[in-house]
Amino acid sequence: MAGSSRTTFAKRQKERQRQEKQAEKAQRKLQRKTQDQETDPNAPEKPKDLTVTYNEEGIPEGFGFHDF
């Protein structure tokens, strides 16, 4: 029985490290997100509705991948 407590402790320690790493990643992600918003406040926002654009001949152009 004495051997099993050591493996349990190792598992707990490993799980704690995993949770700490996950929390650090989430914190860095949030920091990058807020930093991007602060650095470029004049960035044009994407329109919420699709906008039909026309070429030189007046024919409607198709929507691209980034339009959705």
PDB file of N, CA and C in Angstrom:
ATOM      1  N   MET A   1       0.813  -1.199   0.000  1.00  0.00           N
ATOM      2  CA  MET A   1       0.000   0.000   0.000  1.00  0.00           C
ATOM      3  C   MET A   1       0.853   1.259   0.000  1.00  0.00           C
ATOM      4  N   ALA A   2       2.030   1.182   0.593  1.00  0.00           N
ATOM      5  CA  ALA A   2       2.866   2.374   0.701  1.00  0.00           C
ATOM      6  C   ALA A   2       3.260   2.889  -0.674  1.00  0.00           C
ATOM      7  N   GLY A   3       3.437   2.021  -1.637  1.00  0.00           N
ATOM      8  CA  GLY A   3       3.830   2.435  -2.976  1.00  0.00           C
ATOM      9  C   GLY A   3       2.745   3.186  -3.711  1.00  0.00           C
ATOM     10  N   SER A   4       1.493   2.888  -3.434  1.00  0.00           N
ATOM     11  CA  SER A   4       0.402   3.529  -4.161  1.00  0.00           C
ATOM     12  C   SER A   4       0.212   4.986  -3.756  1.00  0.00           C
ATOM     13  N   SER A   5       0.561   5.360  -2.529  1.00  0.00           N
ATOM     14  CA  SER A   5       0.384   6.744  -2.111  1.00  0.00           C
ATOM     15  C   SER A   5       1.355   7.657  -2.851  1.00  0.00           C
ATOM     16  N   ARG A   6       2.529   7.137  -3.168  1.00  0.00           N
ATOM     17  CA  ARG A   6       3.517   7.941  -3.888  1.00  0.00           C
ATOM     18  C   ARG A   6       3.037   8.226  -5.317  1.00  0.00           C
ATOM     19  N   THR A   7       2.444   7.224  -5.965  1.00  0.00           N
ATOM     20  CA  THR A   7       1.947   7.451  -7.321  1.00  0.00           C
ATOM     21  C   THR A   7       0.758   8.397  -7.301  1.00  0.00           C
ATOM     22  N   THR A   8      -0.085   8.299  -6.265  1.00  0.00           N
ATOM     23  CA  THR A   8      -1.215   9.204  -6.150  1.00  0.00           C
ATOM     24  C   THR A   8      -0.727  10.633  -5.987  1.00  0.00           C
ATOM     25  N   PHE A   9       0.299  10.824  -5.164  1.00  0.00           N
ATOM     26  CA  PHE A   9       0.868  12.156  -4.970  1.00  0.00           C
ATOM     27  C   PHE A   9       1.440  12.685  -6.281  1.00  0.00           C
ATOM     28  N   ALA A  10       2.109  11.840  -7.021  1.00  0.00           N
ATOM     29  CA  ALA A  10       2.685  12.244  -8.306  1.00  0.00           C
ATOM     30  C   ALA A  10       1.584  12.629  -9.287  1.00  0.00           C
ATOM     31  N   LYS A  11       0.496  11.874  -9.273  1.00  0.00           N
ATOM     32  CA  LYS A  11      -0.630  12.200 -10.154  1.00  0.00           C
ATOM     33  C   LYS A  11      -1.229  13.556  -9.783  1.00  0.00           C
ATOM     34  N   ARG A  12      -1.391  13.785  -8.483  1.00  0.00           N
ATOM     35  CA  ARG A  12      -1.939  15.079  -8.043  1.00  0.00           C
ATOM     36  C   ARG A  12      -1.022  16.224  -8.444  1.00  0.00           C
ATOM     37  N   GLN A  13       0.276  16.010  -8.264  1.00  0.00           N
ATOM     38  CA  GLN A  13       1.246  17.042  -8.611  1.00  0.00           C
ATOM     39  C   GLN A  13       1.215  17.319 -10.118  1.00  0.00           C
ATOM     40  N   LYS A  14       1.138  16.276 -10.893  1.00  0.00           N
ATOM     41  CA  LYS A  14       1.084  16.422 -12.352  1.00  0.00           C
ATOM     42  C   LYS A  14      -0.191  17.159 -12.776  1.00  0.00           C
ATOM     43  N   GLU A  15      -1.315  16.822 -12.153  1.00  0.00           N
ATOM     44  CA  GLU A  15      -2.583  17.477 -12.465  1.00  0.00           C
ATOM     45  C   GLU A  15      -2.531  18.959 -12.087  1.00  0.00           C
ATOM     46  N   ARG A  16      -1.928  19.260 -10.928  1.00  0.00           N
ATOM     47  CA  ARG A  16      -1.783  20.660 -10.523  1.00  0.00           C
ATOM     48  C   ARG A  16      -0.953  21.437 -11.533  1.00  0.00           C
ATOM     49  N   GLN A  17       0.132  20.860 -12.003  1.00  0.00           N
ATOM     50  CA  GLN A  17       0.974  21.513 -13.005  1.00  0.00           C
ATOM     51  C   GLN A  17       0.196  21.745 -14.296  1.00  0.00           C
ATOM     52  N   ARG A  18      -0.607  20.761 -14.692  1.00  0.00           N
ATOM     53  CA  ARG A  18      -1.408  20.907 -15.905  1.00  0.00           C
ATOM     54  C   ARG A  18      -2.400  22.056 -15.756  1.00  0.00           C
ATOM     55  N   GLN A  19      -3.056  22.131 -14.599  1.00  0.00           N
ATOM     56  CA  GLN A  19      -4.028  23.204 -14.362  1.00  0.00           C
ATOM     57  C   GLN A  19      -3.359  24.566 -14.334  1.00  0.00           C
ATOM     58  N   GLU A  20      -2.176  24.656 -13.724  1.00  0.00           N
ATOM     59  CA  GLU A  20      -1.449  25.919 -13.694  1.00  0.00           C
ATOM     60  C   GLU A  20      -1.047  26.359 -15.091  1.00  0.00           C
ATOM     61  N   LYS A  21      -0.584  25.409 -15.889  1.00  0.00           N
ATOM     62  CA  LYS A  21      -0.187  25.725 -17.260  1.00  0.00           C
ATOM     63  C   LYS A  21      -1.394  26.202 -18.070  1.00  0.00           C
ATOM     64  N   GLN A  22      -2.537  25.540 -17.878  1.00  0.00           N
ATOM     65  CA  GLN A  22      -3.759  25.929 -18.582  1.00  0.00           C
ATOM     66  C   GLN A  22      -4.201  27.331 -18.164  1.00  0.00           C
ATOM     67  N   ALA A  23      -4.088  27.647 -16.878  1.00  0.00           N
ATOM     68  CA  ALA A  23      -4.460  28.976 -16.390  1.00  0.00           C
ATOM     69  C   ALA A  23      -3.520  30.039 -16.947  1.00  0.00           C
ATOM     70  N   GLU A  24      -2.227  29.734 -17.024  1.00  0.00           N
ATOM     71  CA  GLU A  24      -1.266  30.681 -17.593  1.00  0.00           C
ATOM     72  C   GLU A  24      -1.558  30.938 -19.066  1.00  0.00           C
ATOM     73  N   LYS A  25      -1.894  29.889 -19.802  1.00  0.00           N
ATOM     74  CA  LYS A  25      -2.229  30.051 -21.218  1.00  0.00           C
ATOM     75  C   LYS A  25      -3.460  30.929 -21.386  1.00  0.00           C
ATOM     76  N   ALA A  26      -4.476  30.706 -20.557  1.00  0.00           N
ATOM     77  CA  ALA A  26      -5.695  31.511 -20.634  1.00  0.00           C
ATOM     78  C   ALA A  26      -5.389  32.969 -20.316  1.00  0.00           C
ATOM     79  N   GLN A  27      -4.514  33.195 -19.344  1.00  0.00           N
ATOM     80  CA  GLN A  27      -4.152  34.556 -18.972  1.00  0.00           C
ATOM     81  C   GLN A  27      -3.394  35.247 -20.108  1.00  0.00           C
ATOM     82  N   ARG A  28      -2.458  34.526 -20.737  1.00  0.00           N
ATOM     83  CA  ARG A  28      -1.720  35.102 -21.864  1.00  0.00           C
ATOM     84  C   ARG A  28      -2.647  35.409 -23.037  1.00  0.00           C
ATOM     85  N   LYS A  29      -3.608  34.522 -23.285  1.00  0.00           N
ATOM     86  CA  LYS A  29      -4.565  34.726 -24.375  1.00  0.00           C
ATOM     87  C   LYS A  29      -5.397  35.986 -24.122  1.00  0.00           C
ATOM     88  N   LEU A  30      -5.874  36.147 -22.904  1.00  0.00           N
ATOM     89  CA  LEU A  30      -6.654  37.329 -22.550  1.00  0.00           C
ATOM     90  C   LEU A  30      -5.810  38.593 -22.661  1.00  0.00           C
ATOM     91  N   GLN A  31      -4.545  38.493 -22.245  1.00  0.00           N
ATOM     92  CA  GLN A  31      -3.646  39.634 -22.323  1.00  0.00           C
ATOM     93  C   GLN A  31      -3.417  40.039 -23.782  1.00  0.00           C
ATOM     94  N   ARG A  32      -3.205  39.054 -24.669  1.00  0.00           N
ATOM     95  CA  ARG A  32      -3.024  39.359 -26.092  1.00  0.00           C
ATOM     96  C   ARG A  32      -4.270  40.001 -26.676  1.00  0.00           C
ATOM     97  N   LYS A  33      -5.431  39.490 -26.284  1.00  0.00           N
ATOM     98  CA  LYS A  33      -6.686  40.010 -26.805  1.00  0.00           C
ATOM     99  C   LYS A  33      -6.873  41.471 -26.401  1.00  0.00           C
ATOM    100  N   THR A  34      -6.638  41.791 -25.139  1.00  0.00           N
ATOM    101  CA  THR A  34      -6.795  43.175 -24.688  1.00  0.00           C
ATOM    102  C   THR A  34      -5.721  44.061 -25.290  1.00  0.00           C
ATOM    103  N   GLN A  35      -4.514  43.526 -25.478  1.00  0.00           N
ATOM    104  CA  GLN A  35      -3.435  44.312 -26.064  1.00  0.00           C
ATOM    105  C   GLN A  35      -3.745  44.656 -27.523  1.00  0.00           C
ATOM    106  N   ASP A  36      -4.311  43.709 -28.266  1.00  0.00           N
ATOM    107  CA  ASP A  36      -4.673  43.962 -29.656  1.00  0.00           C
ATOM    108  C   ASP A  36      -5.737  45.054 -29.748  1.00  0.00           C
ATOM    109  N   GLN A  37      -6.685  45.057 -28.837  1.00  0.00           N
ATOM    110  CA  GLN A  37      -7.736  46.066 -28.850  1.00  0.00           C
ATOM    111  C   GLN A  37      -7.182  47.439 -28.496  1.00  0.00           C
ATOM    112  N   GLU A  38      -6.201  47.486 -27.596  1.00  0.00           N
ATOM    113  CA  GLU A  38      -5.619  48.758 -27.184  1.00  0.00           C
ATOM    114  C   GLU A  38      -4.713  49.341 -28.256  1.00  0.00           C
ATOM    115  N   THR A  39      -3.969  48.499 -28.954  1.00  0.00           N
ATOM    116  CA  THR A  39      -2.996  48.991 -29.921  1.00  0.00           C
ATOM    117  C   THR A  39      -3.647  49.525 -31.190  1.00  0.00           C
ATOM    118  N   ASP A  40      -4.800  49.026 -31.557  1.00  0.00           N
ATOM    119  CA  ASP A  40      -5.424  49.434 -32.805  1.00  0.00           C
ATOM    120  C   ASP A  40      -6.902  49.786 -32.589  1.00  0.00           C
ATOM    121  N   PRO A  41      -7.165  50.908 -31.871  1.00  0.00           N
ATOM    122  CA  PRO A  41      -8.566  51.260 -31.627  1.00  0.00           C
ATOM    123  C   PRO A  41      -9.278  51.772 -32.884  1.00  0.00           C
ATOM    124  N   ASN A  42      -8.522  52.204 -33.894  1.00  0.00           N
ATOM    125  CA  ASN A  42      -9.124  52.743 -35.110  1.00  0.00           C
ATOM    126  C   ASN A  42      -9.323  51.677 -36.184  1.00  0.00           C
ATOM    127  N   ALA A  43      -9.118  50.434 -35.826  1.00  0.00           N
ATOM    128  CA  ALA A  43      -9.299  49.363 -36.802  1.00  0.00           C
ATOM    129  C   ALA A  43     -10.756  49.336 -37.251  1.00  0.00           C
ATOM    130  N   PRO A  44     -10.980  49.235 -38.544  1.00  0.00           N
ATOM    131  CA  PRO A  44     -12.368  49.223 -39.012  1.00  0.00           C
ATOM    132  C   PRO A  44     -13.091  47.964 -38.554  1.00  0.00           C
ATOM    133  N   GLU A  45     -14.270  48.159 -38.045  1.00  0.00           N
ATOM    134  CA  GLU A  45     -15.054  47.018 -37.615  1.00  0.00           C
ATOM    135  C   GLU A  45     -15.734  46.397 -38.828  1.00  0.00           C
ATOM    136  N   LYS A  46     -15.893  45.106 -38.793  1.00  0.00           N
ATOM    137  CA  LYS A  46     -16.569  44.431 -39.887  1.00  0.00           C
ATOM    138  C   LYS A  46     -18.060  44.723 -39.779  1.00  0.00           C
ATOM    139  N   PRO A  47     -18.692  44.957 -40.918  1.00  0.00           N
ATOM    140  CA  PRO A  47     -20.137  45.202 -40.852  1.00  0.00           C
ATOM    141  C   PRO A  47     -20.874  43.955 -40.376  1.00  0.00           C
ATOM    142  N   LYS A  48     -21.939  44.189 -39.636  1.00  0.00           N
ATOM    143  CA  LYS A  48     -22.690  43.069 -39.088  1.00  0.00           C
ATOM    144  C   LYS A  48     -23.544  42.390 -40.160  1.00  0.00           C
ATOM    145  N   ASP A  49     -23.994  43.145 -41.142  1.00  0.00           N
ATOM    146  CA  ASP A  49     -24.794  42.585 -42.229  1.00  0.00           C
ATOM    147  C   ASP A  49     -23.930  42.492 -43.480  1.00  0.00           C
ATOM    148  N   LEU A  50     -24.278  41.569 -44.347  1.00  0.00           N
ATOM    149  CA  LEU A  50     -23.553  41.435 -45.601  1.00  0.00           C
ATOM    150  C   LEU A  50     -23.841  42.630 -46.502  1.00  0.00           C
ATOM    151  N   THR A  51     -22.801  43.104 -47.156  1.00  0.00           N
ATOM    152  CA  THR A  51     -22.937  44.230 -48.061  1.00  0.00           C
ATOM    153  C   THR A  51     -22.642  43.745 -49.474  1.00  0.00           C
ATOM    154  N   VAL A  52     -23.550  44.020 -50.383  1.00  0.00           N
ATOM    155  CA  VAL A  52     -23.366  43.619 -51.772  1.00  0.00           C
ATOM    156  C   VAL A  52     -22.479  44.653 -52.448  1.00  0.00           C
ATOM    157  N   THR A  53     -21.398  44.175 -53.049  1.00  0.00           N
ATOM    158  CA  THR A  53     -20.512  45.072 -53.780  1.00  0.00           C
ATOM    159  C   THR A  53     -20.653  44.789 -55.266  1.00  0.00           C
ATOM    160  N   TYR A  54     -20.423  45.827 -56.053  1.00  0.00           N
ATOM    161  CA  TYR A  54     -20.572  45.731 -57.504  1.00  0.00           C
ATOM    162  C   TYR A  54     -19.244  46.047 -58.168  1.00  0.00           C
ATOM    163  N   ASN A  55     -18.964  45.385 -59.294  1.00  0.00           N
ATOM    164  CA  ASN A  55     -17.749  45.680 -60.043  1.00  0.00           C
ATOM    165  C   ASN A  55     -17.994  46.862 -60.974  1.00  0.00           C
ATOM    166  N   GLU A  56     -17.026  47.137 -61.862  1.00  0.00           N
ATOM    167  CA  GLU A  56     -17.118  48.309 -62.738  1.00  0.00           C
ATOM    168  C   GLU A  56     -18.303  48.254 -63.696  1.00  0.00           C
ATOM    169  N   GLU A  57     -18.712  47.048 -64.095  1.00  0.00           N
ATOM    170  CA  GLU A  57     -19.827  46.916 -65.033  1.00  0.00           C
ATOM    171  C   GLU A  57     -21.183  46.927 -64.329  1.00  0.00           C
ATOM    172  N   GLY A  58     -21.192  47.015 -63.016  1.00  0.00           N
ATOM    173  CA  GLY A  58     -22.449  47.032 -62.287  1.00  0.00           C
ATOM    174  C   GLY A  58     -22.974  45.650 -61.939  1.00  0.00           C
ATOM    175  N   ILE A  59     -22.148  44.645 -62.125  1.00  0.00           N
ATOM    176  CA  ILE A  59     -22.549  43.269 -61.810  1.00  0.00           C
ATOM    177  C   ILE A  59     -22.173  42.982 -60.351  1.00  0.00           C
ATOM    178  N   PRO A  60     -23.109  42.417 -59.595  1.00  0.00           N
ATOM    179  CA  PRO A  60     -22.770  42.120 -58.188  1.00  0.00           C
ATOM    180  C   PRO A  60     -21.653  41.080 -58.095  1.00  0.00           C
ATOM    181  N   GLU A  61     -20.710  41.331 -57.178  1.00  0.00           N
ATOM    182  CA  GLU A  61     -19.623  40.391 -56.943  1.00  0.00           C
ATOM    183  C   GLU A  61     -20.070  39.373 -55.908  1.00  0.00           C
ATOM    184  N   GLY A  62     -19.466  38.202 -55.951  1.00  0.00           N
ATOM    185  CA  GLY A  62     -19.804  37.164 -54.980  1.00  0.00           C
ATOM    186  C   GLY A  62     -19.204  37.469 -53.607  1.00  0.00           C
ATOM    187  N   PHE A  63     -19.733  36.804 -52.631  1.00  0.00           N
ATOM    188  CA  PHE A  63     -19.214  36.974 -51.282  1.00  0.00           C
ATOM    189  C   PHE A  63     -17.981  36.108 -51.093  1.00  0.00           C
ATOM    190  N   GLY A  64     -17.036  36.599 -50.332  1.00  0.00           N
ATOM    191  CA  GLY A  64     -15.824  35.856 -50.035  1.00  0.00           C
ATOM    192  C   GLY A  64     -15.961  35.124 -48.706  1.00  0.00           C
ATOM    193  N   PHE A  65     -14.952  34.362 -48.396  1.00  0.00           N
ATOM    194  CA  PHE A  65     -14.942  33.582 -47.159  1.00  0.00           C
ATOM    195  C   PHE A  65     -15.028  34.494 -45.931  1.00  0.00           C
ATOM    196  N   HIS A  66     -14.355  35.629 -45.968  1.00  0.00           N
ATOM    197  CA  HIS A  66     -14.283  36.525 -44.813  1.00  0.00           C
ATOM    198  C   HIS A  66     -15.513  37.414 -44.666  1.00  0.00           C
ATOM    199  N   ASP A  67     -16.442  37.324 -45.581  1.00  0.00           N
ATOM    200  CA  ASP A  67     -17.656  38.126 -45.493  1.00  0.00           C
ATOM    201  C   ASP A  67     -18.650  37.547 -44.488  1.00  0.00           C
ATOM    202  N   PHE A  68     -18.452  36.311 -44.072  1.00  0.00           N
ATOM    203  CA  PHE A  68     -19.416  35.659 -43.192  1.00  0.00           C
ATOM    204  C   PHE A  68     -18.983  35.655 -41.779  1.00  0.00           C
TER     205      PHE A  68
END
